């Protein structure tokens, strides 16, 4: 990620409140993260499910094994 693009991302965050950065995760990393999420025990209290909603309160606390997958070298840059 170049300094110029980093400044563009920062500017977009300041203007719109968010930004999208492509290519942070490889397809293999996405598949691994997806696999972890699909195989978690969702019966705990911090997992919210309804017909149109799935949410996890305290995401990293509930699924600690996903932390190293999400915070890869690209996202740390």
PDB file of N, CA and C in Angstrom:
ATOM      1  N   UNK A   1       0.863  -1.176   0.000  1.00  0.00           N
ATOM      2  CA  UNK A   1       0.000   0.000   0.000  1.00  0.00           C
ATOM      3  C   UNK A   1       0.905   1.234   0.000  1.00  0.00           C
ATOM      4  N   UNK A   2       0.742   2.080  -0.960  1.00  0.00           N
ATOM      5  CA  UNK A   2       1.580   3.270  -1.059  1.00  0.00           C
ATOM      6  C   UNK A   2       1.080   4.364  -0.123  1.00  0.00           C
ATOM      7  N   UNK A   3       1.949   5.333   0.138  1.00  0.00           N
ATOM      8  CA  UNK A   3       1.577   6.460   0.992  1.00  0.00           C
ATOM      9  C   UNK A   3       0.418   7.228   0.358  1.00  0.00           C
ATOM     10  N   UNK A   4       0.456   7.398  -0.969  1.00  0.00           N
ATOM     11  CA  UNK A   4      -0.612   8.125  -1.652  1.00  0.00           C
ATOM     12  C   UNK A   4      -1.956   7.442  -1.435  1.00  0.00           C
ATOM     13  N   UNK A   5      -2.018   6.125  -1.594  1.00  0.00           N
ATOM     14  CA  UNK A   5      -3.290   5.441  -1.396  1.00  0.00           C
ATOM     15  C   UNK A   5      -3.713   5.480   0.073  1.00  0.00           C
ATOM     16  N   UNK A   6      -2.746   5.415   0.978  1.00  0.00           N
ATOM     17  CA  UNK A   6      -3.065   5.517   2.395  1.00  0.00           C
ATOM     18  C   UNK A   6      -3.719   6.862   2.690  1.00  0.00           C
ATOM     19  N   UNK A   7      -3.196   7.930   2.115  1.00  0.00           N
ATOM     20  CA  UNK A   7      -3.790   9.252   2.304  1.00  0.00           C
ATOM     21  C   UNK A   7      -5.188   9.314   1.690  1.00  0.00           C
ATOM     22  N   UNK A   8      -5.379   8.645   0.558  1.00  0.00           N
ATOM     23  CA  UNK A   8      -6.701   8.600  -0.074  1.00  0.00           C
ATOM     24  C   UNK A   8      -7.691   7.894   0.839  1.00  0.00           C
ATOM     25  N   UNK A   9      -7.264   6.783   1.425  1.00  0.00           N
ATOM     26  CA  UNK A   9      -8.148   6.044   2.345  1.00  0.00           C
ATOM     27  C   UNK A   9      -8.487   6.895   3.566  1.00  0.00           C
ATOM     28  N   UNK A  10      -7.487   7.563   4.119  1.00  0.00           N
ATOM     29  CA  UNK A  10      -7.724   8.425   5.282  1.00  0.00           C
ATOM     30  C   UNK A  10      -8.710   9.541   4.941  1.00  0.00           C
ATOM     31  N   UNK A  11      -8.539  10.142   3.777  1.00  0.00           N
ATOM     32  CA  UNK A  11      -9.421  11.208   3.337  1.00  0.00           C
ATOM     33  C   UNK A  11     -10.854  10.705   3.184  1.00  0.00           C
ATOM     34  N   UNK A  12     -10.998   9.531   2.628  1.00  0.00           N
ATOM     35  CA  UNK A  12     -12.333   8.949   2.438  1.00  0.00           C
ATOM     36  C   UNK A  12     -12.998   8.679   3.791  1.00  0.00           C
ATOM     37  N   UNK A  13     -12.220   8.215   4.752  1.00  0.00           N
ATOM     38  CA  UNK A  13     -12.752   7.974   6.104  1.00  0.00           C
ATOM     39  C   UNK A  13     -13.232   9.285   6.717  1.00  0.00           C
ATOM     40  N   UNK A  14     -12.415  10.320   6.589  1.00  0.00           N
ATOM     41  CA  UNK A  14     -12.796  11.619   7.156  1.00  0.00           C
ATOM     42  C   UNK A  14     -14.054  12.174   6.499  1.00  0.00           C
ATOM     43  N   UNK A  15     -14.177  11.985   5.185  1.00  0.00           N
ATOM     44  CA  UNK A  15     -15.316  12.540   4.461  1.00  0.00           C
ATOM     45  C   UNK A  15     -16.588  11.714   4.625  1.00  0.00           C
ATOM     46  N   UNK A  16     -16.464  10.378   4.560  1.00  0.00           N
ATOM     47  CA  UNK A  16     -17.651   9.518   4.540  1.00  0.00           C
ATOM     48  C   UNK A  16     -17.829   8.654   5.794  1.00  0.00           C
ATOM     49  N   UNK A  17     -16.796   8.581   6.629  1.00  0.00           N
ATOM     50  CA  UNK A  17     -16.891   7.776   7.841  1.00  0.00           C
ATOM     51  C   UNK A  17     -16.485   6.323   7.658  1.00  0.00           C
ATOM     52  N   UNK A  18     -16.082   5.950   6.450  1.00  0.00           N
ATOM     53  CA  UNK A  18     -15.630   4.581   6.174  1.00  0.00           C
ATOM     54  C   UNK A  18     -14.816   4.594   4.885  1.00  0.00           C
ATOM     55  N   UNK A  19     -14.151   3.486   4.621  1.00  0.00           N
ATOM     56  CA  UNK A  19     -13.468   3.282   3.348  1.00  0.00           C
ATOM     57  C   UNK A  19     -13.421   1.794   3.065  1.00  0.00           C
ATOM     58  N   UNK A  20     -13.181   1.446   1.834  1.00  0.00           N
ATOM     59  CA  UNK A  20     -13.041   0.049   1.428  1.00  0.00           C
ATOM     60  C   UNK A  20     -11.640  -0.126   0.873  1.00  0.00           C
ATOM     61  N   UNK A  21     -10.911  -1.078   1.426  1.00  0.00           N
ATOM     62  CA  UNK A  21      -9.564  -1.378   0.960  1.00  0.00           C
ATOM     63  C   UNK A  21      -9.588  -2.799   0.408  1.00  0.00           C
ATOM     64  N   UNK A  22      -9.394  -2.926  -0.874  1.00  0.00           N
ATOM     65  CA  UNK A  22      -9.414  -4.230  -1.515  1.00  0.00           C
ATOM     66  C   UNK A  22      -8.095  -4.976  -1.303  1.00  0.00           C
ATOM     67  N   UNK A  23      -8.143  -6.269  -1.501  1.00  0.00           N
ATOM     68  CA  UNK A  23      -6.961  -7.147  -1.496  1.00  0.00           C
ATOM     69  C   UNK A  23      -6.233  -7.211  -0.157  1.00  0.00           C
ATOM     70  N   UNK A  24      -6.956  -7.077   0.930  1.00  0.00           N
ATOM     71  CA  UNK A  24      -6.367  -7.243   2.259  1.00  0.00           C
ATOM     72  C   UNK A  24      -6.192  -8.731   2.572  1.00  0.00           C
ATOM     73  N   UNK A  25      -7.161  -9.535   2.151  1.00  0.00           N
ATOM     74  CA  UNK A  25      -7.132 -10.972   2.394  1.00  0.00           C
ATOM     75  C   UNK A  25      -7.037 -11.726   1.079  1.00  0.00           C
ATOM     76  N   UNK A  26      -6.235 -12.786   1.058  1.00  0.00           N
ATOM     77  CA  UNK A  26      -6.181 -13.669  -0.109  1.00  0.00           C
ATOM     78  C   UNK A  26      -7.440 -14.535  -0.099  1.00  0.00           C
ATOM     79  N   UNK A  27      -7.704 -15.186  -1.209  1.00  0.00           N
ATOM     80  CA  UNK A  27      -8.870 -16.075  -1.269  1.00  0.00           C
ATOM     81  C   UNK A  27      -8.730 -17.208  -0.253  1.00  0.00           C
ATOM     82  N   UNK A  28      -7.533 -17.707  -0.069  1.00  0.00           N
ATOM     83  CA  UNK A  28      -7.292 -18.762   0.919  1.00  0.00           C
ATOM     84  C   UNK A  28      -7.604 -18.276   2.335  1.00  0.00           C
ATOM     85  N   UNK A  29      -7.196 -17.043   2.657  1.00  0.00           N
ATOM     86  CA  UNK A  29      -7.492 -16.474   3.974  1.00  0.00           C
ATOM     87  C   UNK A  29      -8.993 -16.285   4.162  1.00  0.00           C
ATOM     88  N   UNK A  30      -9.666 -15.811   3.131  1.00  0.00           N
ATOM     89  CA  UNK A  30     -11.121 -15.645   3.197  1.00  0.00           C
ATOM     90  C   UNK A  30     -11.796 -16.990   3.442  1.00  0.00           C
ATOM     91  N   UNK A  31     -11.356 -18.017   2.736  1.00  0.00           N
ATOM     92  CA  UNK A  31     -11.923 -19.361   2.916  1.00  0.00           C
ATOM     93  C   UNK A  31     -11.688 -19.871   4.331  1.00  0.00           C
ATOM     94  N   UNK A  32     -10.500 -19.634   4.875  1.00  0.00           N
ATOM     95  CA  UNK A  32     -10.185 -20.081   6.237  1.00  0.00           C
ATOM     96  C   UNK A  32     -11.041 -19.356   7.270  1.00  0.00           C
ATOM     97  N   UNK A  33     -11.164 -18.038   7.133  1.00  0.00           N
ATOM     98  CA  UNK A  33     -12.008 -17.250   8.047  1.00  0.00           C
ATOM     99  C   UNK A  33     -13.456 -17.713   7.956  1.00  0.00           C
ATOM    100  N   UNK A  34     -13.937 -17.905   6.752  1.00  0.00           N
ATOM    101  CA  UNK A  34     -15.305 -18.378   6.541  1.00  0.00           C
ATOM    102  C   UNK A  34     -15.526 -19.733   7.185  1.00  0.00           C
ATOM    103  N   UNK A  35     -14.564 -20.614   7.043  1.00  0.00           N
ATOM    104  CA  UNK A  35     -14.664 -21.949   7.637  1.00  0.00           C
ATOM    105  C   UNK A  35     -14.742 -21.876   9.159  1.00  0.00           C
ATOM    106  N   UNK A  36     -13.930 -21.026   9.762  1.00  0.00           N
ATOM    107  CA  UNK A  36     -13.976 -20.852  11.217  1.00  0.00           C
ATOM    108  C   UNK A  36     -15.357 -20.358  11.631  1.00  0.00           C
ATOM    109  N   UNK A  37     -15.877 -19.364  10.927  1.00  0.00           N
ATOM    110  CA  UNK A  37     -17.184 -18.792  11.269  1.00  0.00           C
ATOM    111  C   UNK A  37     -18.316 -19.801  11.088  1.00  0.00           C
ATOM    112  N   UNK A  38     -18.216 -20.632  10.081  1.00  0.00           N
ATOM    113  CA  UNK A  38     -19.267 -21.618   9.833  1.00  0.00           C
ATOM    114  C   UNK A  38     -19.275 -22.744  10.857  1.00  0.00           C
ATOM    115  N   UNK A  39     -18.155 -22.920  11.554  1.00  0.00           N
ATOM    116  CA  UNK A  39     -18.042 -24.038  12.489  1.00  0.00           C
ATOM    117  C   UNK A  39     -18.058 -23.635  13.957  1.00  0.00           C
ATOM    118  N   UNK A  40     -18.479 -22.418  14.263  1.00  0.00           N
ATOM    119  CA  UNK A  40     -18.543 -21.990  15.667  1.00  0.00           C
ATOM    120  C   UNK A  40     -19.861 -22.434  16.297  1.00  0.00           C
ATOM    121  N   UNK A  41     -19.824 -22.575  17.603  1.00  0.00           N
ATOM    122  CA  UNK A  41     -21.022 -22.926  18.367  1.00  0.00           C
ATOM    123  C   UNK A  41     -21.820 -21.644  18.594  1.00  0.00           C
ATOM    124  N   UNK A  42     -22.956 -21.511  17.919  1.00  0.00           N
ATOM    125  CA  UNK A  42     -23.749 -20.283  17.998  1.00  0.00           C
ATOM    126  C   UNK A  42     -24.829 -20.336  19.082  1.00  0.00           C
ATOM    127  N   UNK A  43     -24.746 -21.306  19.960  1.00  0.00           N
ATOM    128  CA  UNK A  43     -25.769 -21.420  20.998  1.00  0.00           C
ATOM    129  C   UNK A  43     -25.504 -20.508  22.203  1.00  0.00           C
ATOM    130  N   UNK A  44     -24.357 -19.867  22.243  1.00  0.00           N
ATOM    131  CA  UNK A  44     -24.016 -18.990  23.363  1.00  0.00           C
ATOM    132  C   UNK A  44     -24.854 -17.719  23.338  1.00  0.00           C
ATOM    133  N   UNK A  45     -24.953 -17.073  24.493  1.00  0.00           N
ATOM    134  CA  UNK A  45     -25.770 -15.869  24.666  1.00  0.00           C
ATOM    135  C   UNK A  45     -25.336 -14.705  23.782  1.00  0.00           C
ATOM    136  N   UNK A  46     -24.039 -14.578  23.499  1.00  0.00           N
ATOM    137  CA  UNK A  46     -23.535 -13.449  22.718  1.00  0.00           C
ATOM    138  C   UNK A  46     -23.767 -13.582  21.218  1.00  0.00           C
ATOM    139  N   UNK A  47     -24.365 -14.679  20.782  1.00  0.00           N
ATOM    140  CA  UNK A  47     -24.683 -14.873  19.372  1.00  0.00           C
ATOM    141  C   UNK A  47     -26.157 -14.558  19.174  1.00  0.00           C
ATOM    142  N   UNK A  48     -26.439 -13.611  18.280  1.00  0.00           N
ATOM    143  CA  UNK A  48     -27.818 -13.195  18.008  1.00  0.00           C
ATOM    144  C   UNK A  48     -28.220 -13.680  16.626  1.00  0.00           C
ATOM    145  N   UNK A  49     -29.311 -14.435  16.572  1.00  0.00           N
ATOM    146  CA  UNK A  49     -29.790 -14.933  15.289  1.00  0.00           C
ATOM    147  C   UNK A  49     -31.286 -14.694  15.177  1.00  0.00           C
ATOM    148  N   UNK A  50     -31.676 -14.260  14.011  1.00  0.00           N
ATOM    149  CA  UNK A  50     -33.089 -14.163  13.673  1.00  0.00           C
ATOM    150  C   UNK A  50     -33.183 -14.461  12.185  1.00  0.00           C
ATOM    151  N   UNK A  51     -34.356 -14.303  11.634  1.00  0.00           N
ATOM    152  CA  UNK A  51     -34.546 -14.606  10.219  1.00  0.00           C
ATOM    153  C   UNK A  51     -33.635 -13.775   9.319  1.00  0.00           C
ATOM    154  N   UNK A  52     -33.417 -12.512   9.676  1.00  0.00           N
ATOM    155  CA  UNK A  52     -32.627 -11.632   8.812  1.00  0.00           C
ATOM    156  C   UNK A  52     -31.396 -11.026   9.500  1.00  0.00           C
ATOM    157  N   UNK A  53     -30.958 -11.614  10.628  1.00  0.00           N
ATOM    158  CA  UNK A  53     -29.838 -11.047  11.361  1.00  0.00           C
ATOM    159  C   UNK A  53     -28.986 -12.151  11.965  1.00  0.00           C
ATOM    160  N   UNK A  54     -27.674 -11.973  11.865  1.00  0.00           N
ATOM    161  CA  UNK A  54     -26.739 -12.799  12.614  1.00  0.00           C
ATOM    162  C   UNK A  54     -25.667 -11.857  13.126  1.00  0.00           C
ATOM    163  N   UNK A  55     -25.510 -11.782  14.421  1.00  0.00           N
ATOM    164  CA  UNK A  55     -24.539 -10.877  15.022  1.00  0.00           C
ATOM    165  C   UNK A  55     -23.821 -11.578  16.158  1.00  0.00           C
ATOM    166  N   UNK A  56     -22.583 -11.177  16.389  1.00  0.00           N
ATOM    167  CA  UNK A  56     -21.794 -11.736  17.488  1.00  0.00           C
ATOM    168  C   UNK A  56     -21.295 -10.582  18.339  1.00  0.00           C
ATOM    169  N   UNK A  57     -21.758 -10.539  19.587  1.00  0.00           N
ATOM    170  CA  UNK A  57     -21.253  -9.539  20.524  1.00  0.00           C
ATOM    171  C   UNK A  57     -19.893 -10.010  21.027  1.00  0.00           C
ATOM    172  N   UNK A  58     -18.984  -9.087  21.216  1.00  0.00           N
ATOM    173  CA  UNK A  58     -17.640  -9.388  21.694  1.00  0.00           C
ATOM    174  C   UNK A  58     -16.977 -10.436  20.797  1.00  0.00           C
ATOM    175  N   UNK A  59     -16.969 -10.139  19.503  1.00  0.00           N
ATOM    176  CA  UNK A  59     -16.528 -11.054  18.446  1.00  0.00           C
ATOM    177  C   UNK A  59     -15.189 -11.724  18.757  1.00  0.00           C
ATOM    178  N   UNK A  60     -14.159 -10.937  19.044  1.00  0.00           N
ATOM    179  CA  UNK A  60     -12.832 -11.516  19.273  1.00  0.00           C
ATOM    180  C   UNK A  60     -12.757 -12.302  20.575  1.00  0.00           C
ATOM    181  N   UNK A  61     -13.548 -11.935  21.550  1.00  0.00           N
ATOM    182  CA  UNK A  61     -13.569 -12.677  22.804  1.00  0.00           C
ATOM    183  C   UNK A  61     -14.265 -14.035  22.608  1.00  0.00           C
ATOM    184  N   UNK A  62     -15.314 -14.054  21.805  1.00  0.00           N
ATOM    185  CA  UNK A  62     -16.066 -15.284  21.568  1.00  0.00           C
ATOM    186  C   UNK A  62     -15.343 -16.246  20.623  1.00  0.00           C
ATOM    187  N   UNK A  63     -14.553 -15.698  19.696  1.00  0.00           N
ATOM    188  CA  UNK A  63     -13.863 -16.529  18.707  1.00  0.00           C
ATOM    189  C   UNK A  63     -12.382 -16.120  18.683  1.00  0.00           C
ATOM    190  N   UNK A  64     -11.654 -16.416  19.745  1.00  0.00           N
ATOM    191  CA  UNK A  64     -10.261 -15.945  19.835  1.00  0.00           C
ATOM    192  C   UNK A  64      -9.351 -16.520  18.747  1.00  0.00           C
ATOM    193  N   UNK A  65      -9.663 -17.695  18.233  1.00  0.00           N
ATOM    194  CA  UNK A  65      -8.806 -18.302  17.206  1.00  0.00           C
ATOM    195  C   UNK A  65      -8.829 -17.541  15.882  1.00  0.00           C
ATOM    196  N   UNK A  66      -9.773 -16.639  15.726  1.00  0.00           N
ATOM    197  CA  UNK A  66      -9.879 -15.893  14.469  1.00  0.00           C
ATOM    198  C   UNK A  66      -9.012 -14.630  14.466  1.00  0.00           C
ATOM    199  N   UNK A  67      -8.536 -14.227  15.620  1.00  0.00           N
ATOM    200  CA  UNK A  67      -7.771 -12.985  15.732  1.00  0.00           C
ATOM    201  C   UNK A  67      -6.559 -12.970  14.810  1.00  0.00           C
ATOM    202  N   UNK A  68      -5.746 -14.017  14.831  1.00  0.00           N
ATOM    203  CA  UNK A  68      -4.550 -14.062  13.987  1.00  0.00           C
ATOM    204  C   UNK A  68      -4.898 -14.131  12.504  1.00  0.00           C
ATOM    205  N   UNK A  69      -6.062 -14.677  12.175  1.00  0.00           N
ATOM    206  CA  UNK A  69      -6.490 -14.749  10.782  1.00  0.00           C
ATOM    207  C   UNK A  69      -6.904 -13.377  10.264  1.00  0.00           C
ATOM    208  N   UNK A  70      -7.582 -12.611  11.098  1.00  0.00           N
ATOM    209  CA  UNK A  70      -8.083 -11.300  10.688  1.00  0.00           C
ATOM    210  C   UNK A  70      -6.965 -10.262  10.659  1.00  0.00           C
ATOM    211  N   UNK A  71      -6.131 -10.255  11.669  1.00  0.00           N
ATOM    212  CA  UNK A  71      -5.059  -9.254  11.765  1.00  0.00           C
ATOM    213  C   UNK A  71      -3.798  -9.764  11.085  1.00  0.00           C
ATOM    214  N   UNK A  72      -3.898  -9.966   9.769  1.00  0.00           N
ATOM    215  CA  UNK A  72      -2.762 -10.440   8.982  1.00  0.00           C
ATOM    216  C   UNK A  72      -1.792  -9.291   8.696  1.00  0.00           C
ATOM    217  N   UNK A  73      -0.697  -9.587   8.006  1.00  0.00           N
ATOM    218  CA  UNK A  73       0.308  -8.557   7.723  1.00  0.00           C
ATOM    219  C   UNK A  73      -0.243  -7.405   6.892  1.00  0.00           C
ATOM    220  N   UNK A  74      -1.112  -7.714   5.935  1.00  0.00           N
ATOM    221  CA  UNK A  74      -1.672  -6.660   5.075  1.00  0.00           C
ATOM    222  C   UNK A  74      -2.527  -5.676   5.858  1.00  0.00           C
ATOM    223  N   UNK A  75      -3.326  -6.180   6.767  1.00  0.00           N
ATOM    224  CA  UNK A  75      -4.196  -5.267   7.532  1.00  0.00           C
ATOM    225  C   UNK A  75      -3.365  -4.462   8.551  1.00  0.00           C
ATOM    226  N   UNK A  76      -2.272  -5.039   9.012  1.00  0.00           N
ATOM    227  CA  UNK A  76      -1.416  -4.324   9.944  1.00  0.00           C
ATOM    228  C   UNK A  76      -0.696  -3.165   9.266  1.00  0.00           C
ATOM    229  N   UNK A  77      -0.452  -3.299   7.968  1.00  0.00           N
ATOM    230  CA  UNK A  77       0.200  -2.215   7.213  1.00  0.00           C
ATOM    231  C   UNK A  77      -0.721  -1.024   7.149  1.00  0.00           C
TER     232      UNK A  77
END
